[in-house]
Amino acid sequence: MQIIGELINASRKSIGEAIKAGDAETVADVARKQHENGADFVDVNAGIFVGQEAEYLEWLVKTVQGEVEDVQCSIDSADPKGVEAALAVHKGTAMINSISLEKKRYEPMMGIVAGTDLKVIALCMSDEGMPESADDRVQIADKLVNNLVNNGVPVENIYIDPLVQPISTSDTYGLEFLEAIERITTEFPGIHTACGLSNVSYGLPGRKILNQTFMALGIMKGLDGAIINPLDKRMVATIKAAEALTAKDEGCMNYLDAYRNNMLEV
């Protein structure tokens, strides 16, 4: 499982204030804690700062990698100029979050990722709106995968996000997402999958247990990337246990390592 730490997002009040104030210490501390708790990528998002997003994304990348030299960033922006500014200072292989089939996003983002070694999250979204069914998701995924590969993005660098929708609005949304994960991993060998999982529980009480259970079900179907809070010990423990139980952790080595590092104590 590739864990993308979600906490450096300007929409979170404390982070937005830290970015605006140039408080590198606060941002660096959050980056370090996420990395120490298993984040493979640290997401950086400055989307609330219209007109200043590029400047702040560049600052965020410098701040995060200045604190944790070996961490890579997931550059979370729909603004091509912001993405380019962040990439200009990023060290190593970044992840771009994200591209979709929406014309306003697809063309500029494809121009950035084409022919590169960048990791790419590709959203199953088109100008027709949010997909309703697994069929809708797979059809969009097919176009995204083929377009990205034909533009020189390696298969192993593509993370398809079938988009989680809240089951509070339709009780079939969870099942449609899980079916899409299973079909995408089967029909497109070598492709990864990822998602922002917590949306599944929006509008319902006891959200954490729903999110954790949905994570386990997703892993069973082939989910191998997620944008989560790596400081949520129970979620991380759920990931480690689910991967061990579904033969995605050879010899249960990751599970045992997590146990030795007290990551399963919840």
Protein backbone atom coordinates (compact mmCIF):
# COMPACT_ATOMS: atom_id res chain seq x y z
CA MET A 1 0.00 0.00 0.00
CA GLN A 2 1.30 3.39 -1.01
CA ILE A 3 0.23 5.81 1.72
CA ILE A 4 -0.17 9.45 0.71
CA GLY A 5 -0.27 11.65 3.80
CA GLU A 6 -3.17 14.10 3.54
CA LEU A 7 -2.49 16.52 6.39
CA ILE A 8 -0.66 19.38 4.62
CA ASN A 9 -3.77 20.82 3.05
CA ALA A 10 -4.52 24.53 3.22
CA SER A 11 -8.21 23.80 3.75
CA ARG A 12 -7.28 22.64 7.26
CA LYS A 13 -7.38 25.79 9.36
CA SER A 14 -4.07 25.27 11.18
CA ILE A 15 -2.22 24.49 7.94
CA GLY A 16 -3.80 27.35 6.01
CA GLU A 17 -2.75 29.76 8.75
CA ALA A 18 0.77 28.30 8.85
CA ILE A 19 1.17 28.66 5.08
CA LYS A 20 -0.07 32.25 5.09
CA ALA A 21 2.27 33.13 7.98
CA GLY A 22 5.27 31.37 6.46
CA ASP A 23 5.40 29.13 9.54
CA ALA A 24 7.85 26.54 8.23
CA GLU A 25 8.24 24.90 11.63
CA THR A 26 4.58 23.85 11.81
CA VAL A 27 4.49 22.52 8.25
CA ALA A 28 7.82 20.71 8.65
CA ASP A 29 6.63 19.07 11.88
CA VAL A 30 3.49 17.71 10.18
CA ALA A 31 5.58 16.43 7.26
CA ARG A 32 8.04 14.68 9.56
CA LYS A 33 5.33 13.03 11.66
CA GLN A 34 3.54 11.71 8.57
CA HIS A 35 6.76 10.29 7.17
CA GLU A 36 7.67 8.68 10.50
CA ASN A 37 4.27 7.01 10.57
CA GLY A 38 4.59 5.40 7.17
CA ALA A 39 3.67 7.99 4.54
CA ASP A 40 5.34 7.15 1.22
CA PHE A 41 4.30 10.53 -0.21
CA VAL A 42 3.36 13.75 1.54
CA ASP A 43 0.52 15.57 -0.19
CA VAL A 44 0.89 19.34 -0.49
CA ASN A 45 -2.17 21.44 -1.26
CA ALA A 46 -2.49 25.24 -1.32
CA GLY A 47 -5.70 25.37 -3.31
CA ILE A 48 -7.49 27.96 -1.17
CA PHE A 49 -4.96 30.64 -2.08
CA VAL A 50 -6.26 31.77 -5.44
CA GLY A 51 -3.60 33.74 -7.29
CA GLN A 52 -0.85 32.64 -4.88
CA GLU A 53 -1.12 28.88 -5.22
CA ALA A 54 2.04 28.48 -7.29
CA GLU A 55 4.10 30.51 -4.84
CA TYR A 56 2.83 28.59 -1.84
CA LEU A 57 3.19 25.16 -3.46
CA GLU A 58 6.82 25.93 -4.22
CA TRP A 59 7.31 26.97 -0.58
CA LEU A 60 5.57 23.84 0.69
CA VAL A 61 7.75 21.50 -1.37
CA LYS A 62 10.92 23.24 -0.19
CA THR A 63 9.73 23.16 3.41
CA VAL A 64 8.67 19.49 3.38
CA GLN A 65 11.79 18.21 1.64
CA GLY A 66 13.97 20.49 3.74
CA GLU A 67 12.70 18.70 6.85
CA VAL A 68 12.56 15.15 5.43
CA GLU A 69 15.16 14.76 2.71
CA ASP A 70 14.08 11.34 1.45
CA VAL A 71 10.33 12.02 1.23
CA GLN A 72 8.56 12.64 -2.07
CA CYS A 73 5.63 15.01 -2.47
CA SER A 74 2.23 14.49 -4.00
CA ILE A 75 1.52 17.83 -5.66
CA ASP A 76 -2.19 18.31 -5.21
CA SER A 77 -3.41 21.02 -7.55
CA ALA A 78 -5.65 21.66 -10.54
CA ASP A 79 -3.51 24.67 -11.47
CA PRO A 80 -0.85 23.75 -14.08
CA LYS A 81 1.27 26.77 -13.13
CA GLY A 82 1.20 25.66 -9.52
CA VAL A 83 2.24 22.14 -10.45
CA GLU A 84 5.08 23.41 -12.63
CA ALA A 85 6.33 25.74 -9.87
CA ALA A 86 6.35 22.87 -7.38
CA LEU A 87 8.09 20.49 -9.79
CA ALA A 88 10.80 23.08 -10.46
CA VAL A 89 12.05 22.74 -6.88
CA HIS A 90 11.06 19.14 -6.13
CA LYS A 91 13.86 16.62 -5.56
CA GLY A 92 13.26 13.08 -6.80
CA THR A 93 10.13 11.64 -8.40
CA ALA A 94 6.99 13.54 -7.47
CA MET A 95 3.40 12.42 -7.72
CA ILE A 96 0.89 14.60 -9.56
CA ASN A 97 -2.55 14.68 -7.98
CA SER A 98 -4.28 14.72 -10.42
CA ILE A 99 -5.38 14.40 -14.05
CA SER A 100 -8.86 13.55 -15.33
CA LEU A 101 -10.76 13.45 -18.61
CA GLU A 102 -12.22 16.89 -17.95
CA LYS A 103 -10.95 18.99 -20.84
CA LYS A 104 -9.90 21.95 -18.71
CA ARG A 105 -7.71 19.66 -16.58
CA TYR A 106 -6.72 16.92 -19.03
CA GLU A 107 -4.87 18.93 -21.68
CA PRO A 108 -2.64 21.08 -19.42
CA MET A 109 -1.85 18.23 -17.03
CA MET A 110 -1.04 15.82 -19.85
CA GLY A 111 1.37 18.42 -21.16
CA ILE A 112 3.18 18.27 -17.82
CA VAL A 113 3.30 14.50 -17.23
CA ALA A 114 3.80 13.24 -20.82
CA GLY A 115 7.13 11.49 -21.33
CA THR A 116 8.17 11.83 -17.68
CA ASP A 117 8.79 9.46 -14.77
CA LEU A 118 6.24 11.29 -12.60
CA LYS A 119 3.71 9.26 -10.65
CA VAL A 120 0.19 10.25 -11.72
CA ILE A 121 -3.16 9.96 -9.95
CA ALA A 122 -5.84 9.78 -12.64
CA LEU A 123 -9.41 10.53 -11.55
CA CYS A 124 -12.32 8.68 -13.16
CA MET A 125 -14.01 11.98 -13.93
CA SER A 126 -15.09 13.43 -17.26
CA ASP A 127 -17.01 16.46 -18.45
CA GLU A 128 -20.16 14.36 -18.00
CA GLY A 129 -19.68 14.52 -14.22
CA MET A 130 -19.16 12.00 -11.44
CA PRO A 131 -19.43 8.35 -12.46
CA GLU A 132 -22.36 6.44 -10.98
CA SER A 133 -21.55 2.82 -11.73
CA ALA A 134 -18.56 0.52 -11.94
CA ASP A 135 -19.08 0.41 -15.71
CA ASP A 136 -18.81 4.21 -15.91
CA ARG A 137 -15.59 4.15 -13.91
CA VAL A 138 -13.99 1.38 -15.95
CA GLN A 139 -14.83 3.12 -19.24
CA ILE A 140 -13.16 6.32 -18.07
CA ALA A 141 -10.22 4.38 -16.64
CA ASP A 142 -9.72 2.70 -20.02
CA LYS A 143 -9.41 6.06 -21.76
CA LEU A 144 -7.12 7.48 -19.07
CA VAL A 145 -4.78 4.49 -19.05
CA ASN A 146 -4.49 4.36 -22.84
CA ASN A 147 -3.99 8.11 -23.18
CA LEU A 148 -1.34 8.24 -20.46
CA VAL A 149 0.56 5.23 -21.79
CA ASN A 150 0.40 6.58 -25.35
CA ASN A 151 1.88 9.82 -24.01
CA GLY A 152 4.86 8.06 -22.50
CA VAL A 153 3.77 7.61 -18.88
CA PRO A 154 4.92 4.18 -17.63
CA VAL A 155 2.10 1.83 -16.64
CA GLU A 156 3.57 1.31 -13.19
CA ASN A 157 3.43 5.07 -12.53
CA ILE A 158 -0.34 5.34 -13.07
CA TYR A 159 -2.73 5.33 -10.10
CA ILE A 160 -6.37 5.18 -11.13
CA ASP A 161 -8.78 6.77 -8.64
CA PRO A 162 -12.33 5.46 -9.28
CA LEU A 163 -13.68 8.16 -6.94
CA VAL A 164 -15.36 7.27 -3.65
CA GLN A 165 -18.86 8.67 -3.16
CA PRO A 166 -20.80 8.77 0.12
CA ILE A 167 -23.05 5.83 0.87
CA SER A 168 -25.32 8.28 2.72
CA THR A 169 -26.55 9.44 -0.69
CA SER A 170 -26.82 5.99 -2.30
CA ASP A 171 -26.35 2.66 -0.58
CA THR A 172 -24.80 1.15 -3.74
CA TYR A 173 -21.91 3.61 -4.05
CA GLY A 174 -19.59 1.52 -1.89
CA LEU A 175 -20.26 -1.63 -3.91
CA GLU A 176 -19.82 0.17 -7.25
CA PHE A 177 -16.46 1.55 -6.15
CA LEU A 178 -15.24 -1.86 -4.93
CA GLU A 179 -16.31 -3.54 -8.17
CA ALA A 180 -14.48 -0.84 -10.13
CA ILE A 181 -11.27 -1.45 -8.14
CA GLU A 182 -11.46 -5.18 -8.83
CA ARG A 183 -12.13 -4.75 -12.55
CA ILE A 184 -9.47 -2.08 -13.06
CA THR A 185 -6.74 -4.15 -11.39
CA THR A 186 -7.82 -7.19 -13.44
CA GLU A 187 -8.30 -5.53 -16.83
CA PHE A 188 -5.23 -3.25 -16.71
CA PRO A 189 -2.27 -5.31 -15.48
CA GLY A 190 0.40 -3.27 -13.74
CA ILE A 191 -1.91 -0.32 -13.05
CA HIS A 192 -2.16 0.89 -9.47
CA THR A 193 -5.30 2.18 -7.77
CA ALA A 194 -5.67 4.93 -5.19
CA CYS A 195 -8.41 7.00 -3.59
CA GLY A 196 -9.36 9.56 -0.99
CA LEU A 197 -11.25 7.01 1.02
CA SER A 198 -12.97 9.01 3.78
CA ASN A 199 -15.67 10.41 1.48
CA VAL A 200 -17.50 7.06 1.75
CA SER A 201 -18.69 7.92 5.27
CA TYR A 202 -19.66 11.55 4.70
CA GLY A 203 -22.91 12.45 6.44
CA LEU A 204 -22.92 9.41 8.74
CA PRO A 205 -22.00 8.99 12.41
CA GLY A 206 -19.07 6.82 13.51
CA ARG A 207 -17.12 7.66 10.38
CA LYS A 208 -13.84 6.10 11.46
CA ILE A 209 -15.18 2.55 11.69
CA LEU A 210 -16.80 2.88 8.27
CA ASN A 211 -13.56 4.20 6.77
CA GLN A 212 -11.44 1.47 8.34
CA THR A 213 -13.77 -1.31 7.23
CA PHE A 214 -14.01 0.12 3.73
CA MET A 215 -10.21 0.23 3.56
CA ALA A 216 -10.02 -3.48 4.36
CA LEU A 217 -12.64 -4.26 1.70
CA GLY A 218 -10.77 -2.11 -0.83
CA ILE A 219 -7.49 -3.90 -0.17
CA MET A 220 -9.24 -7.23 -0.71
CA LYS A 221 -10.34 -6.00 -4.16
CA GLY A 222 -6.88 -4.70 -5.11
CA LEU A 223 -6.63 -1.16 -3.74
CA ASP A 224 -2.93 -0.41 -3.29
CA GLY A 225 -2.81 3.34 -2.67
CA ALA A 226 -4.73 5.71 -0.42
CA ILE A 227 -4.75 9.36 0.61
CA ILE A 228 -5.16 9.12 4.38
CA ASN A 229 -4.06 10.48 7.72
CA PRO A 230 -1.03 8.32 8.59
CA LEU A 231 -1.28 9.47 12.22
CA ASP A 232 -4.55 7.51 12.50
CA LYS A 233 -3.06 4.44 14.16
CA ARG A 234 -6.17 2.30 13.80
CA MET A 235 -6.35 2.99 10.06
CA VAL A 236 -2.69 2.11 9.59
CA ALA A 237 -3.16 -1.05 11.66
CA THR A 238 -6.17 -1.96 9.50
CA ILE A 239 -4.04 -1.60 6.37
CA LYS A 240 -1.25 -3.78 7.74
CA ALA A 241 -3.68 -6.47 8.90
CA ALA A 242 -5.74 -6.46 5.69
CA GLU A 243 -2.64 -6.80 3.50
CA ALA A 244 -1.39 -9.72 5.60
CA LEU A 245 -4.78 -11.45 5.42
CA THR A 246 -5.11 -11.05 1.65
CA ALA A 247 -1.64 -12.36 0.69
CA LYS A 248 -0.37 -8.88 -0.21
CA ASP A 249 2.37 -9.01 2.44
CA GLU A 250 4.82 -11.81 1.71
CA GLY A 251 5.65 -13.72 4.86
CA CYS A 252 3.65 -11.11 6.82
CA MET A 253 6.89 -9.14 6.98
CA ASN A 254 5.27 -5.69 6.89
CA TYR A 255 2.80 -6.74 9.56
CA LEU A 256 5.59 -8.06 11.79
CA ASP A 257 7.64 -4.93 11.23
CA ALA A 258 4.63 -2.79 12.18
CA TYR A 259 4.18 -4.86 15.34
CA ARG A 260 7.83 -4.42 16.34
CA ASN A 261 7.48 -0.66 15.84
CA ASN A 262 4.33 -0.47 17.98
CA MET A 263 2.22 0.52 14.98
CA LEU A 264 -0.50 -2.02 15.80
CA GLU A 265 -1.20 -0.72 19.29
CA VAL A 266 -4.52 1.03 18.88
